[in-house]
Amino acid sequence: MNEVAPSLITEIKTILKTARQNVARHINTEMITAYWNIGRVIVDNEQLNGINDATARSTILALSKILTTEIGKGFSRSNLFNMRSFYLNYPTVQTLSGQLSWSHYCELLSVSDTSKRRFYEKEAINSGWSVRELKRQISTSLFERLLLSEGKTNKETVMSLAMHGIEMSSPIDILKDPYVFEFLGIPENKPIMENDLRKALVQQIEKFLLELGRGFMFVGTQQRVTLGNVHRYVDMVFYNKILSAYVLIELKAVKFLPEAVGQLNSYLNYYSAEVNGENDNPPIGIILCTDKDSVDIVDLFSYAVVGDYGVAPFP
């Protein structure tokens, strides 16, 4: 067999890498521009119809439900509010940077102070911060630490420390962002739920549904919930026709821990605000957990989240 010159392989890899980067940048630019324009038309509609901030909330909630039904994911109430805020804080589209993703901008919009937000935006661009790194810098108050530093030397020291552990992202990582999956209308790559519980439930799904009771309809596994620009996943979601309510189930391959209640409660609040229809009752949460070595449906212990924080055994 003829030998292939390493330089040929390297050149082909370079061409492919460049093409992938260009595709990622193009998608990112189109998505940011589209979301900026959606924010613009929302604000224009509010001004045209004299809608104030209080009425805007109910208008966006109604808009969210219609767009989600007719177009698909990507138009949650929180994401539409981000688009509205995006336009209000960046009224000129030319000021937007193609080096930052929509996830970057969602994180920046959580910073209310304009000067502080501009600082983090500039540093994110100059230093190539990933979304995770941007979040870390904001949460550790880099801006405030620099203000408190005395002299140029101290400021340089703070910036040097801030760069420690920086996580660089390649442009192709943009394509892995759940927001991009929504924008392109393609299925999202979801994480796998805890394997033992998943296998047990799949193998005995009919028995599991009977255990839940009457009126249950299966919605799906690993249903995404976005809280503060952080993507999390509900293990299993059902809808009960009799109760007119979504039922969220979290699977834990450990014994019951109170922390699981707080996590599930945040999911319930999201479904109540973002997913519920006008005729839906508040969602119900169930935690299925086990501390045994082998997993069996009969051996699972279940708890229902009642109200905001109450926990009760689930029959």
C-alpha atoms as a PDB file:
ATOM      1  CA  MET A   1       0.000   0.000   0.000  1.00  0.00           C
ATOM      2  CA  ASN A   2       1.266   3.464  -0.904  1.00  0.00           C
ATOM      3  CA  GLU A   3       2.285   5.639   1.980  1.00  0.00           C
ATOM      4  CA  VAL A   4       0.310   8.840   2.580  1.00  0.00           C
ATOM      5  CA  ALA A   5       2.354  11.930   3.265  1.00  0.00           C
ATOM      6  CA  PRO A   6       1.690  13.351   6.752  1.00  0.00           C
ATOM      7  CA  SER A   7       1.549  16.833   5.224  1.00  0.00           C
ATOM      8  CA  LEU A   8      -1.441  15.778   3.086  1.00  0.00           C
ATOM      9  CA  ILE A   9      -3.344  14.530   6.143  1.00  0.00           C
ATOM     10  CA  THR A  10      -2.489  17.695   8.047  1.00  0.00           C
ATOM     11  CA  GLU A  11      -3.699  19.900   5.190  1.00  0.00           C
ATOM     12  CA  ILE A  12      -7.016  18.051   4.906  1.00  0.00           C
ATOM     13  CA  LYS A  13      -7.547  18.268   8.665  1.00  0.00           C
ATOM     14  CA  THR A  14      -6.845  22.009   8.546  1.00  0.00           C
ATOM     15  CA  ILE A  15      -9.364  22.531   5.730  1.00  0.00           C
ATOM     16  CA  LEU A  16     -12.048  20.564   7.588  1.00  0.00           C
ATOM     17  CA  LYS A  17     -11.348  22.326  10.890  1.00  0.00           C
ATOM     18  CA  THR A  18     -11.571  25.753   9.235  1.00  0.00           C
ATOM     19  CA  ALA A  19     -14.833  24.814   7.500  1.00  0.00           C
ATOM     20  CA  ARG A  20     -16.367  23.593  10.761  1.00  0.00           C
ATOM     21  CA  GLN A  21     -15.311  26.759  12.547  1.00  0.00           C
ATOM     22  CA  ASN A  22     -16.828  28.898   9.802  1.00  0.00           C
ATOM     23  CA  VAL A  23     -20.103  26.971   9.993  1.00  0.00           C
ATOM     24  CA  ALA A  24     -20.212  27.385  13.775  1.00  0.00           C
ATOM     25  CA  ARG A  25     -19.514  31.116  13.543  1.00  0.00           C
ATOM     26  CA  HIS A  26     -22.128  31.540  10.825  1.00  0.00           C
ATOM     27  CA  ILE A  27     -24.816  29.747  12.844  1.00  0.00           C
ATOM     28  CA  ASN A  28     -23.879  31.733  15.932  1.00  0.00           C
ATOM     29  CA  THR A  29     -24.072  35.074  14.092  1.00  0.00           C
ATOM     30  CA  GLU A  30     -27.419  34.208  12.502  1.00  0.00           C
ATOM     31  CA  MET A  31     -28.878  33.092  15.834  1.00  0.00           C
ATOM     32  CA  ILE A  32     -27.742  36.219  17.690  1.00  0.00           C
ATOM     33  CA  THR A  33     -29.099  38.456  14.925  1.00  0.00           C
ATOM     34  CA  ALA A  34     -32.414  36.587  14.856  1.00  0.00           C
ATOM     35  CA  TYR A  35     -32.853  36.785  18.626  1.00  0.00           C
ATOM     36  CA  TRP A  36     -31.949  40.494  18.584  1.00  0.00           C
ATOM     37  CA  ASN A  37     -34.619  41.077  15.913  1.00  0.00           C
ATOM     38  CA  ILE A  38     -37.198  39.092  17.894  1.00  0.00           C
ATOM     39  CA  GLY A  39     -36.434  41.318  20.878  1.00  0.00           C
ATOM     40  CA  ARG A  40     -36.819  44.358  18.635  1.00  0.00           C
ATOM     41  CA  VAL A  41     -40.265  43.389  17.333  1.00  0.00           C
ATOM     42  CA  ILE A  42     -41.435  42.566  20.880  1.00  0.00           C
ATOM     43  CA  VAL A  43     -40.369  46.009  22.130  1.00  0.00           C
ATOM     44  CA  ASP A  44     -41.804  47.720  19.024  1.00  0.00           C
ATOM     45  CA  ASN A  45     -45.129  45.972  19.613  1.00  0.00           C
ATOM     46  CA  GLU A  46     -45.152  47.093  23.254  1.00  0.00           C
ATOM     47  CA  GLN A  47     -44.496  50.698  22.304  1.00  0.00           C
ATOM     48  CA  LEU A  48     -47.042  50.636  19.462  1.00  0.00           C
ATOM     49  CA  ASN A  49     -49.796  49.254  21.691  1.00  0.00           C
ATOM     50  CA  GLY A  50     -48.892  51.119  24.875  1.00  0.00           C
ATOM     51  CA  ILE A  51     -47.992  47.948  26.769  1.00  0.00           C
ATOM     52  CA  ASN A  52     -46.323  48.618  30.120  1.00  0.00           C
ATOM     53  CA  ASP A  53     -43.896  46.351  31.976  1.00  0.00           C
ATOM     54  CA  ALA A  54     -46.663  44.704  34.004  1.00  0.00           C
ATOM     55  CA  THR A  55     -48.748  43.851  30.933  1.00  0.00           C
ATOM     56  CA  ALA A  56     -45.628  42.808  29.028  1.00  0.00           C
ATOM     57  CA  ARG A  57     -45.176  39.802  31.318  1.00  0.00           C
ATOM     58  CA  SER A  58     -48.589  38.345  30.505  1.00  0.00           C
ATOM     59  CA  THR A  59     -48.133  39.169  26.802  1.00  0.00           C
ATOM     60  CA  ILE A  60     -44.787  37.357  26.653  1.00  0.00           C
ATOM     61  CA  LEU A  61     -46.211  34.357  28.531  1.00  0.00           C
ATOM     62  CA  ALA A  62     -49.031  34.079  25.971  1.00  0.00           C
ATOM     63  CA  LEU A  63     -46.555  34.585  23.122  1.00  0.00           C
ATOM     64  CA  SER A  64     -44.318  31.875  24.565  1.00  0.00           C
ATOM     65  CA  LYS A  65     -47.095  29.297  24.575  1.00  0.00           C
ATOM     66  CA  ILE A  66     -48.179  30.115  21.004  1.00  0.00           C
ATOM     67  CA  LEU A  67     -44.646  30.050  19.564  1.00  0.00           C
ATOM     68  CA  THR A  68     -43.769  26.848  21.409  1.00  0.00           C
ATOM     69  CA  THR A  69     -46.894  25.170  20.012  1.00  0.00           C
ATOM     70  CA  GLU A  70     -46.470  26.414  16.436  1.00  0.00           C
ATOM     71  CA  ILE A  71     -42.659  26.461  16.069  1.00  0.00           C
ATOM     72  CA  GLY A  72     -41.173  24.331  18.854  1.00  0.00           C
ATOM     73  CA  LYS A  73     -38.639  24.746  21.638  1.00  0.00           C
ATOM     74  CA  GLY A  74     -36.559  27.852  22.172  1.00  0.00           C
ATOM     75  CA  PHE A  75     -39.369  30.233  23.060  1.00  0.00           C
ATOM     76  CA  SER A  76     -39.755  29.750  26.786  1.00  0.00           C
ATOM     77  CA  ARG A  77     -40.876  32.785  28.752  1.00  0.00           C
ATOM     78  CA  SER A  78     -37.384  33.292  30.169  1.00  0.00           C
ATOM     79  CA  ASN A  79     -35.752  33.063  26.731  1.00  0.00           C
ATOM     80  CA  LEU A  80     -38.210  35.582  25.238  1.00  0.00           C
ATOM     81  CA  PHE A  81     -37.510  37.929  28.148  1.00  0.00           C
ATOM     82  CA  ASN A  82     -33.801  37.526  27.404  1.00  0.00           C
ATOM     83  CA  MET A  83     -34.416  38.477  23.758  1.00  0.00           C
ATOM     84  CA  ARG A  84     -36.390  41.539  24.861  1.00  0.00           C
ATOM     85  CA  SER A  85     -33.663  42.522  27.321  1.00  0.00           C
ATOM     86  CA  PHE A  86     -31.026  41.790  24.661  1.00  0.00           C
ATOM     87  CA  TYR A  87     -32.485  44.429  22.345  1.00  0.00           C
ATOM     88  CA  LEU A  88     -33.002  46.962  25.137  1.00  0.00           C
ATOM     89  CA  ASN A  89     -29.403  46.642  26.317  1.00  0.00           C
ATOM     90  CA  TYR A  90     -27.885  46.400  22.841  1.00  0.00           C
ATOM     91  CA  PRO A  91     -30.088  48.706  20.715  1.00  0.00           C
ATOM     92  CA  THR A  92     -27.568  48.690  17.841  1.00  0.00           C
ATOM     93  CA  VAL A  93     -27.033  45.287  16.256  1.00  0.00           C
ATOM     94  CA  GLN A  94     -23.582  46.329  14.964  1.00  0.00           C
ATOM     95  CA  THR A  95     -22.287  46.429  18.548  1.00  0.00           C
ATOM     96  CA  LEU A  96     -22.801  42.685  18.968  1.00  0.00           C
ATOM     97  CA  SER A  97     -19.793  40.405  18.800  1.00  0.00           C
ATOM     98  CA  GLY A  98     -19.794  37.208  16.762  1.00  0.00           C
ATOM     99  CA  GLN A  99     -17.153  35.901  19.178  1.00  0.00           C
ATOM    100  CA  LEU A 100     -19.775  35.514  21.889  1.00  0.00           C
ATOM    101  CA  SER A 101     -22.575  32.964  21.797  1.00  0.00           C
ATOM    102  CA  TRP A 102     -26.200  33.453  22.813  1.00  0.00           C
ATOM    103  CA  SER A 103     -25.359  31.659  26.072  1.00  0.00           C
ATOM    104  CA  HIS A 104     -22.641  34.265  26.722  1.00  0.00           C
ATOM    105  CA  TYR A 105     -25.116  37.091  26.198  1.00  0.00           C
ATOM    106  CA  CYS A 106     -27.737  35.434  28.434  1.00  0.00           C
ATOM    107  CA  GLU A 107     -25.111  35.317  31.175  1.00  0.00           C
ATOM    108  CA  LEU A 108     -24.120  38.961  30.575  1.00  0.00           C
ATOM    109  CA  LEU A 109     -27.761  40.067  30.745  1.00  0.00           C
ATOM    110  CA  SER A 110     -27.881  38.824  34.339  1.00  0.00           C
ATOM    111  CA  VAL A 111     -25.478  41.694  35.205  1.00  0.00           C
ATOM    112  CA  SER A 112     -27.679  44.760  35.724  1.00  0.00           C
ATOM    113  CA  ASP A 113     -24.899  47.355  36.044  1.00  0.00           C
ATOM    114  CA  THR A 114     -24.005  48.595  32.549  1.00  0.00           C
ATOM    115  CA  SER A 115     -20.336  49.337  33.268  1.00  0.00           C
ATOM    116  CA  LYS A 116     -19.842  45.968  34.908  1.00  0.00           C
ATOM    117  CA  ARG A 117     -21.561  44.157  32.063  1.00  0.00           C
ATOM    118  CA  ARG A 118     -19.399  45.935  29.474  1.00  0.00           C
ATOM    119  CA  PHE A 119     -16.283  44.967  31.414  1.00  0.00           C
ATOM    120  CA  TYR A 120     -17.193  41.268  31.453  1.00  0.00           C
ATOM    121  CA  GLU A 121     -18.211  41.406  27.798  1.00  0.00           C
ATOM    122  CA  LYS A 122     -14.881  42.939  26.771  1.00  0.00           C
ATOM    123  CA  GLU A 123     -12.839  40.499  28.853  1.00  0.00           C
ATOM    124  CA  ALA A 124     -14.839  37.526  27.566  1.00  0.00           C
ATOM    125  CA  ILE A 125     -13.996  38.573  23.997  1.00  0.00           C
ATOM    126  CA  ASN A 126     -10.342  39.462  24.626  1.00  0.00           C
ATOM    127  CA  SER A 127      -9.576  36.395  26.743  1.00  0.00           C
ATOM    128  CA  GLY A 128     -11.739  33.901  24.855  1.00  0.00           C
ATOM    129  CA  TRP A 129     -13.741  32.921  27.928  1.00  0.00           C
ATOM    130  CA  SER A 130     -16.126  30.007  27.659  1.00  0.00           C
ATOM    131  CA  VAL A 131     -19.615  30.476  29.117  1.00  0.00           C
ATOM    132  CA  ARG A 132     -18.543  28.487  32.163  1.00  0.00           C
ATOM    133  CA  GLU A 133     -15.500  30.716  32.664  1.00  0.00           C
ATOM    134  CA  LEU A 134     -17.582  33.879  32.235  1.00  0.00           C
ATOM    135  CA  LYS A 135     -20.004  32.613  34.851  1.00  0.00           C
ATOM    136  CA  ARG A 136     -17.112  31.870  37.213  1.00  0.00           C
ATOM    137  CA  GLN A 137     -15.606  35.342  36.786  1.00  0.00           C
ATOM    138  CA  ILE A 138     -18.951  37.016  37.494  1.00  0.00           C
ATOM    139  CA  SER A 139     -19.682  34.835  40.517  1.00  0.00           C
ATOM    140  CA  THR A 140     -16.218  35.541  41.997  1.00  0.00           C
ATOM    141  CA  SER A 141     -16.695  39.320  41.516  1.00  0.00           C
ATOM    142  CA  LEU A 142     -13.670  39.973  39.304  1.00  0.00           C
ATOM    143  CA  PHE A 143     -14.957  43.476  38.487  1.00  0.00           C
ATOM    144  CA  GLU A 144     -15.277  44.443  42.156  1.00  0.00           C
ATOM    145  CA  ARG A 145     -11.897  42.942  43.029  1.00  0.00           C
ATOM    146  CA  LEU A 146     -10.218  45.033  40.371  1.00  0.00           C
ATOM    147  CA  LEU A 147     -11.917  48.176  41.667  1.00  0.00           C
ATOM    148  CA  LEU A 148     -10.625  47.436  45.169  1.00  0.00           C
ATOM    149  CA  SER A 149      -7.082  46.790  43.959  1.00  0.00           C
ATOM    150  CA  GLU A 150      -4.626  49.591  44.610  1.00  0.00           C
ATOM    151  CA  GLY A 151      -2.177  50.419  41.833  1.00  0.00           C
ATOM    152  CA  LYS A 152      -1.438  48.930  38.434  1.00  0.00           C
ATOM    153  CA  THR A 153       0.604  46.050  39.864  1.00  0.00           C
ATOM    154  CA  ASN A 154      -2.254  44.827  42.050  1.00  0.00           C
ATOM    155  CA  LYS A 155      -4.723  45.039  39.165  1.00  0.00           C
ATOM    156  CA  GLU A 156      -2.391  42.986  36.992  1.00  0.00           C
ATOM    157  CA  THR A 157      -2.077  40.427  39.793  1.00  0.00           C
ATOM    158  CA  VAL A 158      -5.852  40.141  40.126  1.00  0.00           C
ATOM    159  CA  MET A 159      -6.241  39.700  36.364  1.00  0.00           C
ATOM    160  CA  SER A 160      -3.490  37.081  36.356  1.00  0.00           C
ATOM    161  CA  LEU A 161      -5.221  35.153  39.126  1.00  0.00           C
ATOM    162  CA  ALA A 162      -8.528  35.497  37.326  1.00  0.00           C
ATOM    163  CA  MET A 163      -7.089  33.751  34.277  1.00  0.00           C
ATOM    164  CA  HIS A 164      -6.124  30.701  36.331  1.00  0.00           C
ATOM    165  CA  GLY A 165      -8.004  27.640  35.271  1.00  0.00           C
ATOM    166  CA  ILE A 166      -9.463  29.346  32.206  1.00  0.00           C
ATOM    167  CA  GLU A 167     -11.370  26.962  30.003  1.00  0.00           C
ATOM    168  CA  MET A 168     -10.854  27.772  26.349  1.00  0.00           C
ATOM    169  CA  SER A 169     -13.596  26.765  23.917  1.00  0.00           C
ATOM    170  CA  SER A 170     -13.232  26.097  20.220  1.00  0.00           C
ATOM    171  CA  PRO A 171     -15.847  27.598  17.892  1.00  0.00           C
ATOM    172  CA  ILE A 172     -17.170  24.115  17.111  1.00  0.00           C
ATOM    173  CA  ASP A 173     -18.347  23.837  20.735  1.00  0.00           C
ATOM    174  CA  ILE A 174     -21.057  26.342  19.809  1.00  0.00           C
ATOM    175  CA  LEU A 175     -22.760  23.536  17.904  1.00  0.00           C
ATOM    176  CA  LYS A 176     -23.172  21.593  21.164  1.00  0.00           C
ATOM    177  CA  ASP A 177     -25.124  24.395  22.841  1.00  0.00           C
ATOM    178  CA  PRO A 178     -28.780  23.407  23.506  1.00  0.00           C
ATOM    179  CA  TYR A 179     -29.834  26.884  22.346  1.00  0.00           C
ATOM    180  CA  VAL A 180     -28.360  26.052  18.928  1.00  0.00           C
ATOM    181  CA  PHE A 181     -30.300  22.777  18.766  1.00  0.00           C
ATOM    182  CA  GLU A 182     -33.482  24.751  19.414  1.00  0.00           C
ATOM    183  CA  PHE A 183     -32.583  27.422  16.864  1.00  0.00           C
ATOM    184  CA  LEU A 184     -31.900  24.860  14.133  1.00  0.00           C
ATOM    185  CA  GLY A 185     -34.938  22.763  15.044  1.00  0.00           C
ATOM    186  CA  ILE A 186     -32.969  19.538  15.442  1.00  0.00           C
ATOM    187  CA  PRO A 187     -33.143  16.981  18.292  1.00  0.00           C
ATOM    188  CA  GLU A 188     -30.925  17.736  21.250  1.00  0.00           C
ATOM    189  CA  ASN A 189     -28.244  15.326  22.445  1.00  0.00           C
ATOM    190  CA  LYS A 190     -29.528  14.542  25.900  1.00  0.00           C
ATOM    191  CA  PRO A 191     -27.509  13.133  28.806  1.00  0.00           C
ATOM    192  CA  ILE A 192     -28.239   9.600  29.909  1.00  0.00           C
ATOM    193  CA  MET A 193     -30.184   9.199  33.124  1.00  0.00           C
ATOM    194  CA  GLU A 194     -28.891   6.948  35.907  1.00  0.00           C
ATOM    195  CA  ASN A 195     -28.365   3.661  34.105  1.00  0.00           C
ATOM    196  CA  ASP A 196     -29.657   1.115  36.606  1.00  0.00           C
ATOM    197  CA  LEU A 197     -32.907   2.974  37.204  1.00  0.00           C
ATOM    198  CA  ARG A 198     -33.355   3.650  33.497  1.00  0.00           C
ATOM    199  CA  LYS A 199     -32.959  -0.033  32.627  1.00  0.00           C
ATOM    200  CA  ALA A 200     -35.326  -1.091  35.390  1.00  0.00           C
ATOM    201  CA  LEU A 201     -38.008   1.339  34.276  1.00  0.00           C
ATOM    202  CA  VAL A 202     -37.669   0.511  30.585  1.00  0.00           C
ATOM    203  CA  GLN A 203     -37.882  -3.222  31.252  1.00  0.00           C
ATOM    204  CA  GLN A 204     -40.936  -2.838  33.443  1.00  0.00           C
ATOM    205  CA  ILE A 205     -42.529   0.318  32.041  1.00  0.00           C
ATOM    206  CA  GLU A 206     -46.034  -1.206  31.905  1.00  0.00           C
ATOM    207  CA  LYS A 207     -45.826  -2.228  35.548  1.00  0.00           C
ATOM    208  CA  PHE A 208     -44.407   1.185  36.417  1.00  0.00           C
ATOM    209  CA  LEU A 209     -47.352   2.967  34.765  1.00  0.00           C
ATOM    210  CA  LEU A 210     -49.798   0.751  36.653  1.00  0.00           C
ATOM    211  CA  GLU A 211     -48.008   1.607  39.883  1.00  0.00           C
ATOM    212  CA  LEU A 212     -48.408   5.310  39.126  1.00  0.00           C
ATOM    213  CA  GLY A 213     -52.161   4.947  38.708  1.00  0.00           C
ATOM    214  CA  ARG A 214     -54.815   5.815  36.133  1.00  0.00           C
ATOM    215  CA  GLY A 215     -54.699   8.536  33.507  1.00  0.00           C
ATOM    216  CA  PHE A 216     -50.938   8.777  32.995  1.00  0.00           C
ATOM    217  CA  MET A 217     -49.551   9.672  29.562  1.00  0.00           C
ATOM    218  CA  PHE A 218     -45.833   9.474  28.862  1.00  0.00           C
ATOM    219  CA  VAL A 219     -44.250  12.776  27.730  1.00  0.00           C
ATOM    220  CA  GLY A 220     -40.569  11.832  27.591  1.00  0.00           C
ATOM    221  CA  THR A 221     -37.263  11.297  29.363  1.00  0.00           C
ATOM    222  CA  GLN A 222     -34.529  13.851  30.001  1.00  0.00           C
ATOM    223  CA  GLN A 223     -36.766  16.873  29.462  1.00  0.00           C
ATOM    224  CA  ARG A 224     -34.649  20.020  29.553  1.00  0.00           C
ATOM    225  CA  VAL A 225     -35.216  22.783  32.108  1.00  0.00           C
ATOM    226  CA  THR A 226     -33.159  25.976  31.801  1.00  0.00           C
ATOM    227  CA  LEU A 227     -32.678  27.829  35.070  1.00  0.00           C
ATOM    228  CA  GLY A 228     -30.480  30.932  35.102  1.00  0.00           C
ATOM    229  CA  ASN A 229     -28.879  29.937  31.785  1.00  0.00           C
ATOM    230  CA  VAL A 230     -27.980  26.525  33.254  1.00  0.00           C
ATOM    231  CA  HIS A 231     -29.440  23.520  31.439  1.00  0.00           C
ATOM    232  CA  ARG A 232     -30.739  20.704  33.632  1.00  0.00           C
ATOM    233  CA  TYR A 233     -32.820  17.640  32.802  1.00  0.00           C
ATOM    234  CA  VAL A 234     -35.880  16.068  34.423  1.00  0.00           C
ATOM    235  CA  ASP A 235     -35.473  12.291  34.295  1.00  0.00           C
ATOM    236  CA  MET A 236     -39.075  11.436  33.330  1.00  0.00           C
ATOM    237  CA  VAL A 237     -42.167  13.524  32.614  1.00  0.00           C
ATOM    238  CA  PHE A 238     -45.767  12.310  32.424  1.00  0.00           C
ATOM    239  CA  TYR A 239     -49.111  14.080  32.079  1.00  0.00           C
ATOM    240  CA  ASN A 240     -52.123  12.922  34.068  1.00  0.00           C
ATOM    241  CA  LYS A 241     -55.455  13.504  32.314  1.00  0.00           C
ATOM    242  CA  ILE A 242     -57.492  13.005  35.485  1.00  0.00           C
ATOM    243  CA  LEU A 243     -55.435  15.472  37.531  1.00  0.00           C
ATOM    244  CA  SER A 244     -54.816  17.805  34.550  1.00  0.00           C
ATOM    245  CA  ALA A 245     -51.223  18.137  35.704  1.00  0.00           C
ATOM    246  CA  TYR A 246     -47.698  17.342  34.620  1.00  0.00           C
ATOM    247  CA  VAL A 247     -45.911  14.768  36.774  1.00  0.00           C
ATOM    248  CA  LEU A 248     -42.137  15.134  37.036  1.00  0.00           C
ATOM    249  CA  ILE A 249     -40.110  12.154  38.219  1.00  0.00           C
ATOM    250  CA  GLU A 250     -36.512  12.337  39.417  1.00  0.00           C
ATOM    251  CA  LEU A 251     -34.485   9.129  39.675  1.00  0.00           C
ATOM    252  CA  LYS A 252     -31.826   8.839  42.361  1.00  0.00           C
ATOM    253  CA  ALA A 253     -29.623   5.762  42.693  1.00  0.00           C
ATOM    254  CA  VAL A 254     -28.999   6.670  46.336  1.00  0.00           C
ATOM    255  CA  LYS A 255     -31.046   6.948  49.489  1.00  0.00           C
ATOM    256  CA  PHE A 256     -33.440   9.862  49.842  1.00  0.00           C
ATOM    257  CA  LEU A 257     -31.671  13.185  50.515  1.00  0.00           C
ATOM    258  CA  PRO A 258     -33.342  16.550  51.289  1.00  0.00           C
ATOM    259  CA  GLU A 259     -31.287  18.251  48.562  1.00  0.00           C
ATOM    260  CA  ALA A 260     -33.259  16.327  45.966  1.00  0.00           C
ATOM    261  CA  VAL A 261     -36.435  18.103  47.082  1.00  0.00           C
ATOM    262  CA  GLY A 262     -34.983  21.546  46.431  1.00  0.00           C
ATOM    263  CA  GLN A 263     -33.803  20.465  42.984  1.00  0.00           C
ATOM    264  CA  LEU A 264     -37.182  19.000  42.070  1.00  0.00           C
ATOM    265  CA  ASN A 265     -39.002  22.031  43.432  1.00  0.00           C
ATOM    266  CA  SER A 266     -37.069  24.288  41.047  1.00  0.00           C
ATOM    267  CA  TYR A 267     -38.196  22.058  38.170  1.00  0.00           C
ATOM    268  CA  LEU A 268     -41.801  22.298  39.351  1.00  0.00           C
ATOM    269  CA  ASN A 269     -41.602  26.090  39.477  1.00  0.00           C
ATOM    270  CA  TYR A 270     -40.251  26.090  35.911  1.00  0.00           C
ATOM    271  CA  TYR A 271     -43.057  23.879  34.619  1.00  0.00           C
ATOM    272  CA  SER A 272     -45.635  25.980  36.444  1.00  0.00           C
ATOM    273  CA  ALA A 273     -44.323  29.186  34.847  1.00  0.00           C
ATOM    274  CA  GLU A 274     -43.112  28.004  31.449  1.00  0.00           C
ATOM    275  CA  VAL A 275     -45.005  24.856  30.426  1.00  0.00           C
ATOM    276  CA  ASN A 276     -48.410  24.773  32.104  1.00  0.00           C
ATOM    277  CA  GLY A 277     -51.421  25.699  30.015  1.00  0.00           C
ATOM    278  CA  GLU A 278     -54.349  27.793  31.221  1.00  0.00           C
ATOM    279  CA  ASN A 279     -56.341  24.725  32.294  1.00  0.00           C
ATOM    280  CA  ASP A 280     -53.450  22.825  33.876  1.00  0.00           C
ATOM    281  CA  ASN A 281     -53.169  22.363  37.612  1.00  0.00           C
ATOM    282  CA  PRO A 282     -49.815  22.852  39.401  1.00  0.00           C
ATOM    283  CA  PRO A 283     -47.303  20.147  38.438  1.00  0.00           C
ATOM    284  CA  ILE A 284     -46.541  17.245  40.759  1.00  0.00           C
ATOM    285  CA  GLY A 285     -43.054  16.001  41.561  1.00  0.00           C
ATOM    286  CA  ILE A 286     -42.038  12.469  42.503  1.00  0.00           C
ATOM    287  CA  ILE A 287     -38.614  11.332  43.673  1.00  0.00           C
ATOM    288  CA  LEU A 288     -37.796   7.653  43.119  1.00  0.00           C
ATOM    289  CA  CYS A 289     -34.720   6.516  44.969  1.00  0.00           C
ATOM    290  CA  THR A 290     -33.016   3.395  46.223  1.00  0.00           C
ATOM    291  CA  ASP A 291     -30.040   2.578  48.406  1.00  0.00           C
ATOM    292  CA  LYS A 292     -29.935  -1.086  47.488  1.00  0.00           C
ATOM    293  CA  ASP A 293     -27.269  -2.732  45.337  1.00  0.00           C
ATOM    294  CA  SER A 294     -29.786  -4.125  42.859  1.00  0.00           C
ATOM    295  CA  VAL A 295     -32.569  -2.011  41.437  1.00  0.00           C
ATOM    296  CA  ASP A 296     -36.102  -3.331  41.220  1.00  0.00           C
ATOM    297  CA  ILE A 297     -39.320  -1.378  40.765  1.00  0.00           C
ATOM    298  CA  VAL A 298     -40.786  -3.013  43.843  1.00  0.00           C
ATOM    299  CA  ASP A 299     -37.818  -1.897  45.936  1.00  0.00           C
ATOM    300  CA  LEU A 300     -38.024   1.756  44.926  1.00  0.00           C
ATOM    301  CA  PHE A 301     -39.076   4.310  47.511  1.00  0.00           C
ATOM    302  CA  SER A 302     -41.043   7.245  46.177  1.00  0.00           C
ATOM    303  CA  TYR A 303     -41.818  10.686  47.544  1.00  0.00           C
ATOM    304  CA  ALA A 304     -44.114  13.362  46.203  1.00  0.00           C
ATOM    305  CA  VAL A 305     -43.316  17.039  46.493  1.00  0.00           C
ATOM    306  CA  VAL A 306     -46.389  18.743  47.862  1.00  0.00           C
ATOM    307  CA  GLY A 307     -46.809  22.513  47.616  1.00  0.00           C
ATOM    308  CA  ASP A 308     -43.488  24.355  47.733  1.00  0.00           C
ATOM    309  CA  TYR A 309     -41.377  22.327  50.100  1.00  0.00           C
ATOM    310  CA  GLY A 310     -43.474  19.641  51.750  1.00  0.00           C
ATOM    311  CA  VAL A 311     -42.563  16.009  51.207  1.00  0.00           C
ATOM    312  CA  ALA A 312     -44.862  13.042  51.643  1.00  0.00           C
ATOM    313  CA  PRO A 313     -44.657   9.323  50.795  1.00  0.00           C
ATOM    314  CA  PHE A 314     -46.182   8.581  47.410  1.00  0.00           C
ATOM    315  CA  PRO A 315     -48.659   5.646  47.521  1.00  0.00           C
END
